[in-house]
Amino acid sequence: METLLKLYGELLPVMAFIPAGYLISKKFNFNSDYISKPLINVLLPLLVFTNMLDAEPSKLIVLPILTFLLALGMNFAARLVQNNLASETEPLLLRSSFSFFNIAFFGIPTVTALFGEDKVTVLICIYLGSALYGDTIGYFQVAKTKYPAGKAFREMLSIPFLYVFVAGIIAKVAGLETPDVVKPALDVVSFAVSAAGMMIVGFQLADVDFKHIKVSYFCKLLGFRTFAAAVILLVIAFAASFLAKDLEEEDYKMLALVPLFPVAANVTVFAAFLKADEEQSSILVFLSMLLSVVLVSIATFFLQ
């Protein structure tokens, strides 16, 4: 019970920014770019870069590969559910919803509560593979619906994360470490990243008509997503246990949380780009967030 209270103590303050974002957007017609651009271009890259410097080299190599493979495998799960359940949903949007996990915004307070602040570095390693998939294959697939392949590839290369990732690898090879003097400020950045991510979800909900939500449809969709992710990750982690000897028990526990994490908020950005299912994508992100609170709460009893 104490761990559960600690979890809610970390999660609820940042999730309070969802209704805050919703109310701000409703009352003031607030431009979400004022939040999303500093988040994507400054805060998140800073958090990723500094945590890459502090990560163990073996985990910086292995963990991103595992979550990249998970995201890739979820494409096949999405195709399966497209044919049997979600034929009215835009295929690319469905694949994005299945492959993109909210590891950074939702995961940071979760991991902080369950494993301690020092384990956020491991979470960022886990996040890297998912983000790398989303910002390469995932983004290219969506961009190709509007642009020729060449321009879609150039659009993909404009994403800041790719350069932060390369810079982090180079800095790590060079032996650089995060200066101790800036580490207290990074705790503030960590909270700001999660809070801003939640606020963006609130902005996206402002245009949703809650009266017409197909609850049973979304429950089936999210239930299958969670089950498929758990199965795929189990297979990947089982194989990794024979090949990657440096991973610890806590690393596997953190990996086990990933299928329980919600749909990443950038799925709504892709929906806007495709001009398809924009409201549905916002609902999917929000409902998956609520489901994740329940699932992570249950998982807490098994992870202790």
C-alpha atoms as a PDB file:
ATOM      1  CA  MET A   1       0.000   0.000   0.000  1.00  0.00           C
ATOM      2  CA  GLU A   2       2.863   2.370   0.786  1.00  0.00           C
ATOM      3  CA  THR A   3       4.327   1.859  -2.704  1.00  0.00           C
ATOM      4  CA  LEU A   4       0.911   2.462  -4.258  1.00  0.00           C
ATOM      5  CA  LEU A   5       0.522   5.730  -2.371  1.00  0.00           C
ATOM      6  CA  LYS A   6       3.986   6.735  -3.527  1.00  0.00           C
ATOM      7  CA  LEU A   7       2.987   5.915  -7.107  1.00  0.00           C
ATOM      8  CA  TYR A   8      -0.111   8.118  -6.901  1.00  0.00           C
ATOM      9  CA  GLY A   9       1.959  10.804  -5.200  1.00  0.00           C
ATOM     10  CA  GLU A  10       4.168  10.936  -8.285  1.00  0.00           C
ATOM     11  CA  LEU A  11       1.502  10.365 -10.957  1.00  0.00           C
ATOM     12  CA  LEU A  12      -1.425  12.496  -9.803  1.00  0.00           C
ATOM     13  CA  PRO A  13       0.442  15.844  -9.612  1.00  0.00           C
ATOM     14  CA  VAL A  14       1.565  15.524 -13.237  1.00  0.00           C
ATOM     15  CA  MET A  15      -1.783  14.091 -14.409  1.00  0.00           C
ATOM     16  CA  ALA A  16      -3.476  17.152 -12.894  1.00  0.00           C
ATOM     17  CA  PHE A  17      -2.041  19.027 -15.855  1.00  0.00           C
ATOM     18  CA  ILE A  18      -4.470  17.161 -18.153  1.00  0.00           C
ATOM     19  CA  PRO A  19      -7.588  18.984 -16.845  1.00  0.00           C
ATOM     20  CA  ALA A  20      -5.480  22.152 -16.587  1.00  0.00           C
ATOM     21  CA  GLY A  21      -4.618  21.919 -20.291  1.00  0.00           C
ATOM     22  CA  TYR A  22      -8.244  21.130 -21.136  1.00  0.00           C
ATOM     23  CA  LEU A  23      -9.583  24.183 -19.262  1.00  0.00           C
ATOM     24  CA  ILE A  24      -6.912  26.515 -20.646  1.00  0.00           C
ATOM     25  CA  SER A  25      -7.646  25.406 -24.206  1.00  0.00           C
ATOM     26  CA  LYS A  26     -11.417  25.733 -23.697  1.00  0.00           C
ATOM     27  CA  LYS A  27     -11.296  29.219 -22.136  1.00  0.00           C
ATOM     28  CA  PHE A  28      -8.465  30.913 -23.973  1.00  0.00           C
ATOM     29  CA  ASN A  29      -8.067  29.000 -27.257  1.00  0.00           C
ATOM     30  CA  PHE A  30      -4.424  28.586 -26.240  1.00  0.00           C
ATOM     31  CA  ASN A  31      -1.861  27.732 -28.932  1.00  0.00           C
ATOM     32  CA  SER A  32      -0.362  24.415 -27.795  1.00  0.00           C
ATOM     33  CA  ASP A  33       2.831  25.189 -29.744  1.00  0.00           C
ATOM     34  CA  TYR A  34       3.890  27.393 -26.838  1.00  0.00           C
ATOM     35  CA  ILE A  35       4.173  24.220 -24.771  1.00  0.00           C
ATOM     36  CA  SER A  36       4.938  21.518 -27.331  1.00  0.00           C
ATOM     37  CA  LYS A  37       7.811  23.287 -29.133  1.00  0.00           C
ATOM     38  CA  PRO A  38       9.942  24.004 -26.023  1.00  0.00           C
ATOM     39  CA  LEU A  39       9.131  20.484 -24.819  1.00  0.00           C
ATOM     40  CA  ILE A  40      10.163  18.738 -28.046  1.00  0.00           C
ATOM     41  CA  ASN A  41      13.054  21.036 -28.979  1.00  0.00           C
ATOM     42  CA  VAL A  42      14.613  21.815 -25.580  1.00  0.00           C
ATOM     43  CA  LEU A  43      13.365  20.014 -22.454  1.00  0.00           C
ATOM     44  CA  LEU A  44      13.042  16.435 -23.721  1.00  0.00           C
ATOM     45  CA  PRO A  45      16.321  16.524 -25.721  1.00  0.00           C
ATOM     46  CA  LEU A  46      18.113  17.902 -22.633  1.00  0.00           C
ATOM     47  CA  LEU A  47      16.700  15.127 -20.453  1.00  0.00           C
ATOM     48  CA  VAL A  48      17.556  12.437 -22.995  1.00  0.00           C
ATOM     49  CA  PHE A  49      21.097  13.717 -23.590  1.00  0.00           C
ATOM     50  CA  THR A  50      22.072  14.000 -19.916  1.00  0.00           C
ATOM     51  CA  ASN A  51      20.618  10.598 -19.052  1.00  0.00           C
ATOM     52  CA  MET A  52      22.473   9.021 -21.964  1.00  0.00           C
ATOM     53  CA  LEU A  53      25.714  10.376 -20.489  1.00  0.00           C
ATOM     54  CA  ASP A  54      24.957   8.724 -17.148  1.00  0.00           C
ATOM     55  CA  ALA A  55      23.712   5.381 -18.534  1.00  0.00           C
ATOM     56  CA  GLU A  56      25.687   2.171 -18.348  1.00  0.00           C
ATOM     57  CA  PRO A  57      27.118   1.503 -21.856  1.00  0.00           C
ATOM     58  CA  SER A  58      25.692  -2.027 -22.054  1.00  0.00           C
ATOM     59  CA  LYS A  59      22.164  -0.832 -21.179  1.00  0.00           C
ATOM     60  CA  LEU A  60      22.472   2.062 -23.597  1.00  0.00           C
ATOM     61  CA  ILE A  61      23.010  -0.497 -26.346  1.00  0.00           C
ATOM     62  CA  VAL A  62      20.692  -3.347 -25.339  1.00  0.00           C
ATOM     63  CA  LEU A  63      17.552  -1.658 -23.945  1.00  0.00           C
ATOM     64  CA  PRO A  64      16.884   0.607 -26.965  1.00  0.00           C
ATOM     65  CA  ILE A  65      17.186  -2.408 -29.272  1.00  0.00           C
ATOM     66  CA  LEU A  66      14.544  -4.285 -27.261  1.00  0.00           C
ATOM     67  CA  THR A  67      11.983  -1.463 -27.309  1.00  0.00           C
ATOM     68  CA  PHE A  68      12.716  -0.734 -30.984  1.00  0.00           C
ATOM     69  CA  LEU A  69      11.879  -4.372 -31.743  1.00  0.00           C
ATOM     70  CA  LEU A  70       8.736  -4.101 -29.610  1.00  0.00           C
ATOM     71  CA  ALA A  71       7.545  -1.055 -31.560  1.00  0.00           C
ATOM     72  CA  LEU A  72       8.311  -2.819 -34.829  1.00  0.00           C
ATOM     73  CA  GLY A  73       6.470  -5.964 -33.741  1.00  0.00           C
ATOM     74  CA  MET A  74       3.404  -3.969 -32.749  1.00  0.00           C
ATOM     75  CA  ASN A  75       2.923  -3.083 -36.422  1.00  0.00           C
ATOM     76  CA  PHE A  76       1.941  -6.691 -37.086  1.00  0.00           C
ATOM     77  CA  ALA A  77      -0.426  -6.695 -34.104  1.00  0.00           C
ATOM     78  CA  ALA A  78      -2.055  -3.544 -35.474  1.00  0.00           C
ATOM     79  CA  ARG A  79      -2.547  -5.138 -38.871  1.00  0.00           C
ATOM     80  CA  LEU A  80      -4.175  -8.134 -37.218  1.00  0.00           C
ATOM     81  CA  VAL A  81      -6.625  -6.013 -35.230  1.00  0.00           C
ATOM     82  CA  GLN A  82      -7.272  -3.815 -38.296  1.00  0.00           C
ATOM     83  CA  ASN A  83      -8.662  -6.771 -40.175  1.00  0.00           C
ATOM     84  CA  ASN A  84     -10.752  -8.120 -37.299  1.00  0.00           C
ATOM     85  CA  LEU A  85     -11.833  -5.176 -35.156  1.00  0.00           C
ATOM     86  CA  ALA A  86     -10.805  -1.702 -36.260  1.00  0.00           C
ATOM     87  CA  SER A  87     -11.464  -1.581 -39.991  1.00  0.00           C
ATOM     88  CA  GLU A  88     -12.936   1.945 -39.742  1.00  0.00           C
ATOM     89  CA  THR A  89      -9.751   3.386 -38.197  1.00  0.00           C
ATOM     90  CA  GLU A  90      -7.054   4.846 -40.453  1.00  0.00           C
ATOM     91  CA  PRO A  91      -4.419   2.044 -40.763  1.00  0.00           C
ATOM     92  CA  LEU A  92      -1.346   4.236 -40.252  1.00  0.00           C
ATOM     93  CA  LEU A  93      -2.912   5.881 -37.225  1.00  0.00           C
ATOM     94  CA  LEU A  94      -3.738   2.493 -35.750  1.00  0.00           C
ATOM     95  CA  ARG A  95      -0.178   1.282 -36.258  1.00  0.00           C
ATOM     96  CA  SER A  96       1.137   4.432 -34.605  1.00  0.00           C
ATOM     97  CA  SER A  97      -1.244   3.981 -31.668  1.00  0.00           C
ATOM     98  CA  PHE A  98       0.029   0.441 -31.174  1.00  0.00           C
ATOM     99  CA  SER A  99       3.738   1.179 -31.634  1.00  0.00           C
ATOM    100  CA  PHE A 100       4.121   4.444 -29.698  1.00  0.00           C
ATOM    101  CA  PHE A 101       4.222   4.128 -25.901  1.00  0.00           C
ATOM    102  CA  ASN A 102       4.194   7.106 -23.550  1.00  0.00           C
ATOM    103  CA  ILE A 103       7.407   6.024 -21.880  1.00  0.00           C
ATOM    104  CA  ALA A 104       8.824   9.481 -21.153  1.00  0.00           C
ATOM    105  CA  PHE A 105       5.865  11.545 -19.892  1.00  0.00           C
ATOM    106  CA  PHE A 106       4.005   8.762 -18.062  1.00  0.00           C
ATOM    107  CA  GLY A 107       6.995   6.558 -17.325  1.00  0.00           C
ATOM    108  CA  ILE A 108       9.171   9.058 -15.455  1.00  0.00           C
ATOM    109  CA  PRO A 109       6.818   9.556 -12.464  1.00  0.00           C
ATOM    110  CA  THR A 110       5.976   5.829 -12.475  1.00  0.00           C
ATOM    111  CA  VAL A 111       9.588   4.665 -12.385  1.00  0.00           C
ATOM    112  CA  THR A 112      10.519   7.367  -9.866  1.00  0.00           C
ATOM    113  CA  ALA A 113       7.841   6.069  -7.497  1.00  0.00           C
ATOM    114  CA  LEU A 114       8.522   2.353  -7.961  1.00  0.00           C
ATOM    115  CA  PHE A 115      12.299   2.237  -8.384  1.00  0.00           C
ATOM    116  CA  GLY A 116      13.715   5.630  -7.359  1.00  0.00           C
ATOM    117  CA  GLU A 117      14.937   8.732  -9.206  1.00  0.00           C
ATOM    118  CA  ASP A 118      18.300   7.134  -9.998  1.00  0.00           C
ATOM    119  CA  LYS A 119      16.526   4.615 -12.259  1.00  0.00           C
ATOM    120  CA  VAL A 120      15.180   7.299 -14.621  1.00  0.00           C
ATOM    121  CA  THR A 121      18.431   6.890 -16.556  1.00  0.00           C
ATOM    122  CA  VAL A 122      17.504   3.252 -17.260  1.00  0.00           C
ATOM    123  CA  LEU A 123      14.000   4.359 -18.298  1.00  0.00           C
ATOM    124  CA  ILE A 124      15.487   6.824 -20.796  1.00  0.00           C
ATOM    125  CA  CYS A 125      17.475   3.937 -22.315  1.00  0.00           C
ATOM    126  CA  ILE A 126      14.180   2.056 -22.644  1.00  0.00           C
ATOM    127  CA  TYR A 127      12.555   5.166 -24.133  1.00  0.00           C
ATOM    128  CA  LEU A 128      15.292   5.611 -26.752  1.00  0.00           C
ATOM    129  CA  GLY A 129      14.310   2.552 -28.781  1.00  0.00           C
ATOM    130  CA  SER A 130      10.633   3.497 -28.890  1.00  0.00           C
ATOM    131  CA  ALA A 131      11.429   7.111 -29.781  1.00  0.00           C
ATOM    132  CA  LEU A 132      13.951   6.066 -32.408  1.00  0.00           C
ATOM    133  CA  TYR A 133      11.329   3.890 -34.079  1.00  0.00           C
ATOM    134  CA  GLY A 134       8.697   6.647 -33.914  1.00  0.00           C
ATOM    135  CA  ASP A 135      11.006   9.307 -35.290  1.00  0.00           C
ATOM    136  CA  THR A 136      12.323   7.169 -38.159  1.00  0.00           C
ATOM    137  CA  ILE A 137      10.097   4.386 -39.507  1.00  0.00           C
ATOM    138  CA  GLY A 138       6.939   5.686 -37.818  1.00  0.00           C
ATOM    139  CA  TYR A 139       7.335   9.275 -38.975  1.00  0.00           C
ATOM    140  CA  PHE A 140       8.476   8.288 -42.473  1.00  0.00           C
ATOM    141  CA  GLN A 141       5.403   6.078 -42.965  1.00  0.00           C
ATOM    142  CA  VAL A 142       3.091   8.960 -42.091  1.00  0.00           C
ATOM    143  CA  ALA A 143       5.027  11.635 -44.015  1.00  0.00           C
ATOM    144  CA  LYS A 144       5.017   9.462 -47.137  1.00  0.00           C
ATOM    145  CA  THR A 145       1.218   9.791 -47.313  1.00  0.00           C
ATOM    146  CA  LYS A 146       1.631  13.506 -48.127  1.00  0.00           C
ATOM    147  CA  TYR A 147       5.083  13.802 -49.691  1.00  0.00           C
ATOM    148  CA  PRO A 148       7.247  11.904 -52.189  1.00  0.00           C
ATOM    149  CA  ALA A 149       9.631   9.450 -50.527  1.00  0.00           C
ATOM    150  CA  GLY A 150      12.597  11.834 -50.862  1.00  0.00           C
ATOM    151  CA  LYS A 151      10.832  14.747 -49.178  1.00  0.00           C
ATOM    152  CA  ALA A 152       9.368  12.429 -46.523  1.00  0.00           C
ATOM    153  CA  PHE A 153      12.913  11.281 -45.727  1.00  0.00           C
ATOM    154  CA  ARG A 154      14.133  14.898 -45.481  1.00  0.00           C
ATOM    155  CA  GLU A 155      11.212  15.712 -43.173  1.00  0.00           C
ATOM    156  CA  MET A 156      12.240  12.800 -40.976  1.00  0.00           C
ATOM    157  CA  LEU A 157      15.816  14.118 -40.825  1.00  0.00           C
ATOM    158  CA  SER A 158      14.534  17.439 -39.458  1.00  0.00           C
ATOM    159  CA  ILE A 159      13.437  15.837 -36.162  1.00  0.00           C
ATOM    160  CA  PRO A 160      15.633  17.104 -33.259  1.00  0.00           C
ATOM    161  CA  PHE A 161      15.633  13.774 -31.419  1.00  0.00           C
ATOM    162  CA  LEU A 162      17.752  12.073 -34.079  1.00  0.00           C
ATOM    163  CA  TYR A 163      20.580  14.587 -33.595  1.00  0.00           C
ATOM    164  CA  VAL A 164      20.316  14.446 -29.819  1.00  0.00           C
ATOM    165  CA  PHE A 165      20.593  10.655 -30.014  1.00  0.00           C
ATOM    166  CA  VAL A 166      23.711  10.814 -32.212  1.00  0.00           C
ATOM    167  CA  ALA A 167      25.237  13.550 -30.025  1.00  0.00           C
ATOM    168  CA  GLY A 168      24.566  11.463 -26.916  1.00  0.00           C
ATOM    169  CA  ILE A 169      26.311   8.419 -28.421  1.00  0.00           C
ATOM    170  CA  ILE A 170      29.339  10.526 -29.454  1.00  0.00           C
ATOM    171  CA  ALA A 171      29.536  12.181 -26.011  1.00  0.00           C
ATOM    172  CA  LYS A 172      29.252   8.791 -24.309  1.00  0.00           C
ATOM    173  CA  VAL A 173      32.073   7.353 -26.420  1.00  0.00           C
ATOM    174  CA  ALA A 174      34.150  10.433 -25.555  1.00  0.00           C
ATOM    175  CA  GLY A 175      33.637   9.667 -21.870  1.00  0.00           C
ATOM    176  CA  LEU A 176      31.673  12.800 -20.966  1.00  0.00           C
ATOM    177  CA  GLU A 177      29.440  12.803 -17.884  1.00  0.00           C
ATOM    178  CA  THR A 178      26.703  15.097 -16.634  1.00  0.00           C
ATOM    179  CA  PRO A 179      28.265  17.722 -14.304  1.00  0.00           C
ATOM    180  CA  ASP A 180      27.083  17.328 -10.700  1.00  0.00           C
ATOM    181  CA  VAL A 181      26.253  21.022 -10.507  1.00  0.00           C
ATOM    182  CA  VAL A 182      23.403  20.687 -13.063  1.00  0.00           C
ATOM    183  CA  LYS A 183      21.861  17.467 -11.711  1.00  0.00           C
ATOM    184  CA  PRO A 184      19.467  19.207  -9.246  1.00  0.00           C
ATOM    185  CA  ALA A 185      18.113  21.289 -12.136  1.00  0.00           C
ATOM    186  CA  LEU A 186      17.495  18.106 -14.124  1.00  0.00           C
ATOM    187  CA  ASP A 187      14.983  16.954 -11.494  1.00  0.00           C
ATOM    188  CA  VAL A 188      12.979  20.078 -12.304  1.00  0.00           C
ATOM    189  CA  VAL A 189      13.354  19.398 -16.035  1.00  0.00           C
ATOM    190  CA  SER A 190      12.148  15.834 -15.475  1.00  0.00           C
ATOM    191  CA  PHE A 191       8.968  17.050 -13.772  1.00  0.00           C
ATOM    192  CA  ALA A 192       8.470  19.760 -16.414  1.00  0.00           C
ATOM    193  CA  VAL A 193       8.706  17.160 -19.220  1.00  0.00           C
ATOM    194  CA  SER A 194       6.011  14.983 -17.656  1.00  0.00           C
ATOM    195  CA  ALA A 195       3.773  17.943 -16.752  1.00  0.00           C
ATOM    196  CA  ALA A 196       4.034  19.488 -20.220  1.00  0.00           C
ATOM    197  CA  GLY A 197       3.287  16.145 -21.861  1.00  0.00           C
ATOM    198  CA  MET A 198       0.131  15.756 -19.764  1.00  0.00           C
ATOM    199  CA  MET A 199      -0.932  19.331 -20.486  1.00  0.00           C
ATOM    200  CA  ILE A 200      -0.703  18.643 -24.226  1.00  0.00           C
ATOM    201  CA  VAL A 201      -3.075  15.702 -23.754  1.00  0.00           C
ATOM    202  CA  GLY A 202      -5.491  18.149 -22.099  1.00  0.00           C
ATOM    203  CA  PHE A 203      -5.191  20.546 -25.039  1.00  0.00           C
ATOM    204  CA  GLN A 204      -6.014  17.727 -27.431  1.00  0.00           C
ATOM    205  CA  LEU A 205      -9.140  16.788 -25.471  1.00  0.00           C
ATOM    206  CA  ALA A 206     -10.655  20.251 -25.794  1.00  0.00           C
ATOM    207  CA  ASP A 207     -12.281  19.412 -29.137  1.00  0.00           C
ATOM    208  CA  VAL A 208     -13.549  15.972 -28.126  1.00  0.00           C
ATOM    209  CA  ASP A 209     -17.285  15.287 -27.873  1.00  0.00           C
ATOM    210  CA  PHE A 210     -17.388  12.948 -24.867  1.00  0.00           C
ATOM    211  CA  LYS A 211     -21.057  12.086 -25.458  1.00  0.00           C
ATOM    212  CA  HIS A 212     -20.253   9.993 -28.512  1.00  0.00           C
ATOM    213  CA  ILE A 213     -17.284   7.982 -27.249  1.00  0.00           C
ATOM    214  CA  LYS A 214     -17.523   4.317 -28.277  1.00  0.00           C
ATOM    215  CA  VAL A 215     -16.369   2.937 -24.944  1.00  0.00           C
ATOM    216  CA  SER A 216     -16.649  -0.762 -25.848  1.00  0.00           C
ATOM    217  CA  TYR A 217     -14.723  -0.222 -29.096  1.00  0.00           C
ATOM    218  CA  PHE A 218     -11.852   1.541 -27.371  1.00  0.00           C
ATOM    219  CA  CYS A 219     -11.774  -0.992 -24.531  1.00  0.00           C
ATOM    220  CA  LYS A 220     -11.362  -3.857 -27.008  1.00  0.00           C
ATOM    221  CA  LEU A 221      -8.735  -1.934 -28.962  1.00  0.00           C
ATOM    222  CA  LEU A 222      -6.673  -0.992 -25.903  1.00  0.00           C
ATOM    223  CA  GLY A 223      -7.111  -4.420 -24.346  1.00  0.00           C
ATOM    224  CA  PHE A 224      -5.724  -6.115 -27.434  1.00  0.00           C
ATOM    225  CA  ARG A 225      -2.896  -3.554 -27.645  1.00  0.00           C
ATOM    226  CA  THR A 226      -1.826  -4.278 -24.063  1.00  0.00           C
ATOM    227  CA  PHE A 227      -2.047  -8.051 -24.503  1.00  0.00           C
ATOM    228  CA  ALA A 228      -0.138  -8.009 -27.810  1.00  0.00           C
ATOM    229  CA  ALA A 229       2.604  -5.765 -26.378  1.00  0.00           C
ATOM    230  CA  ALA A 230       2.987  -8.031 -23.334  1.00  0.00           C
ATOM    231  CA  VAL A 231       3.337 -11.145 -25.501  1.00  0.00           C
ATOM    232  CA  ILE A 232       5.780  -9.554 -27.951  1.00  0.00           C
ATOM    233  CA  LEU A 233       7.895  -8.075 -25.155  1.00  0.00           C
ATOM    234  CA  LEU A 234       7.931 -11.409 -23.313  1.00  0.00           C
ATOM    235  CA  VAL A 235       9.392 -13.110 -26.380  1.00  0.00           C
ATOM    236  CA  ILE A 236      11.949 -10.326 -26.904  1.00  0.00           C
ATOM    237  CA  ALA A 237      12.971 -10.236 -23.231  1.00  0.00           C
ATOM    238  CA  PHE A 238      13.254 -14.039 -23.107  1.00  0.00           C
ATOM    239  CA  ALA A 239      15.649 -13.978 -26.054  1.00  0.00           C
ATOM    240  CA  ALA A 240      17.563 -11.064 -24.501  1.00  0.00           C
ATOM    241  CA  SER A 241      18.050 -12.999 -21.254  1.00  0.00           C
ATOM    242  CA  PHE A 242      20.311 -15.427 -23.141  1.00  0.00           C
ATOM    243  CA  LEU A 243      22.202 -12.783 -25.119  1.00  0.00           C
ATOM    244  CA  ALA A 244      22.409  -9.758 -22.792  1.00  0.00           C
ATOM    245  CA  LYS A 245      23.941 -10.877 -19.511  1.00  0.00           C
ATOM    246  CA  ASP A 246      24.360  -7.351 -18.082  1.00  0.00           C
ATOM    247  CA  LEU A 247      20.635  -6.665 -17.613  1.00  0.00           C
ATOM    248  CA  GLU A 248      19.449  -6.777 -14.011  1.00  0.00           C
ATOM    249  CA  GLU A 249      16.154  -7.894 -12.511  1.00  0.00           C
ATOM    250  CA  GLU A 250      14.982  -4.285 -12.120  1.00  0.00           C
ATOM    251  CA  ASP A 251      15.709  -3.634 -15.797  1.00  0.00           C
ATOM    252  CA  TYR A 252      13.342  -6.451 -16.755  1.00  0.00           C
ATOM    253  CA  LYS A 253      10.734  -5.130 -14.318  1.00  0.00           C
ATOM    254  CA  MET A 254      10.876  -1.704 -15.949  1.00  0.00           C
ATOM    255  CA  LEU A 255      10.619  -3.292 -19.377  1.00  0.00           C
ATOM    256  CA  ALA A 256       7.548  -5.206 -18.158  1.00  0.00           C
ATOM    257  CA  LEU A 257       5.825  -1.883 -17.462  1.00  0.00           C
ATOM    258  CA  VAL A 258       6.112  -0.678 -21.069  1.00  0.00           C
ATOM    259  CA  PRO A 259       3.066  -2.619 -22.410  1.00  0.00           C
ATOM    260  CA  LEU A 260       1.035  -1.013 -19.622  1.00  0.00           C
ATOM    261  CA  PHE A 261       1.987   2.532 -20.620  1.00  0.00           C
ATOM    262  CA  PRO A 262      -0.518   4.654 -22.585  1.00  0.00           C
ATOM    263  CA  VAL A 263      -0.531   5.625 -26.242  1.00  0.00           C
ATOM    264  CA  ALA A 264       1.977   8.416 -26.842  1.00  0.00           C
ATOM    265  CA  ALA A 265       0.540  11.890 -27.330  1.00  0.00           C
ATOM    266  CA  ASN A 266       2.353  12.399 -30.645  1.00  0.00           C
ATOM    267  CA  VAL A 267      -0.198  10.045 -32.238  1.00  0.00           C
ATOM    268  CA  THR A 268      -2.595  13.009 -32.273  1.00  0.00           C
ATOM    269  CA  VAL A 269       0.043  15.042 -34.134  1.00  0.00           C
ATOM    270  CA  PHE A 270       0.148  12.322 -36.779  1.00  0.00           C
ATOM    271  CA  ALA A 271      -3.661  12.309 -36.904  1.00  0.00           C
ATOM    272  CA  ALA A 272      -3.672  16.046 -37.585  1.00  0.00           C
ATOM    273  CA  PHE A 273      -1.045  15.529 -40.281  1.00  0.00           C
ATOM    274  CA  LEU A 274      -3.150  12.819 -41.921  1.00  0.00           C
ATOM    275  CA  LYS A 275      -6.357  14.821 -41.325  1.00  0.00           C
ATOM    276  CA  ALA A 276      -7.984  11.570 -40.219  1.00  0.00           C
ATOM    277  CA  ASP A 277      -9.524  10.382 -36.947  1.00  0.00           C
ATOM    278  CA  GLU A 278      -8.220  13.419 -35.029  1.00  0.00           C
ATOM    279  CA  GLU A 279     -10.893  13.223 -32.340  1.00  0.00           C
ATOM    280  CA  GLN A 280     -10.585   9.449 -32.111  1.00  0.00           C
ATOM    281  CA  SER A 281      -6.831   9.685 -31.587  1.00  0.00           C
ATOM    282  CA  SER A 282      -7.292  12.153 -28.711  1.00  0.00           C
ATOM    283  CA  ILE A 283      -9.825   9.841 -27.065  1.00  0.00           C
ATOM    284  CA  LEU A 284      -7.485   6.885 -27.538  1.00  0.00           C
ATOM    285  CA  VAL A 285      -4.605   8.715 -25.848  1.00  0.00           C
ATOM    286  CA  PHE A 286      -6.783   9.831 -22.933  1.00  0.00           C
ATOM    287  CA  LEU A 287      -8.524   6.497 -22.303  1.00  0.00           C
ATOM    288  CA  SER A 288      -5.232   4.633 -22.543  1.00  0.00           C
ATOM    289  CA  MET A 289      -3.903   6.998 -19.867  1.00  0.00           C
ATOM    290  CA  LEU A 290      -6.742   6.069 -17.509  1.00  0.00           C
ATOM    291  CA  LEU A 291      -6.288   2.369 -18.273  1.00  0.00           C
ATOM    292  CA  SER A 292      -2.566   2.675 -17.575  1.00  0.00           C
ATOM    293  CA  VAL A 293      -3.180   4.090 -14.100  1.00  0.00           C
ATOM    294  CA  VAL A 294      -5.259   0.997 -13.302  1.00  0.00           C
ATOM    295  CA  LEU A 295      -2.826  -1.486 -14.879  1.00  0.00           C
ATOM    296  CA  VAL A 296       0.289   0.054 -13.316  1.00  0.00           C
ATOM    297  CA  SER A 297      -1.479   0.093  -9.930  1.00  0.00           C
ATOM    298  CA  ILE A 298      -2.144  -3.647 -10.253  1.00  0.00           C
ATOM    299  CA  ALA A 299       1.397  -4.301 -11.496  1.00  0.00           C
ATOM    300  CA  THR A 300       2.791  -2.550  -8.413  1.00  0.00           C
ATOM    301  CA  PHE A 301       1.788  -5.517  -6.240  1.00  0.00           C
ATOM    302  CA  PHE A 302       3.675  -7.933  -8.492  1.00  0.00           C
ATOM    303  CA  LEU A 303       6.805  -5.788  -8.896  1.00  0.00           C
ATOM    304  CA  GLN A 304       7.541  -5.305  -5.208  1.00  0.00           C
END
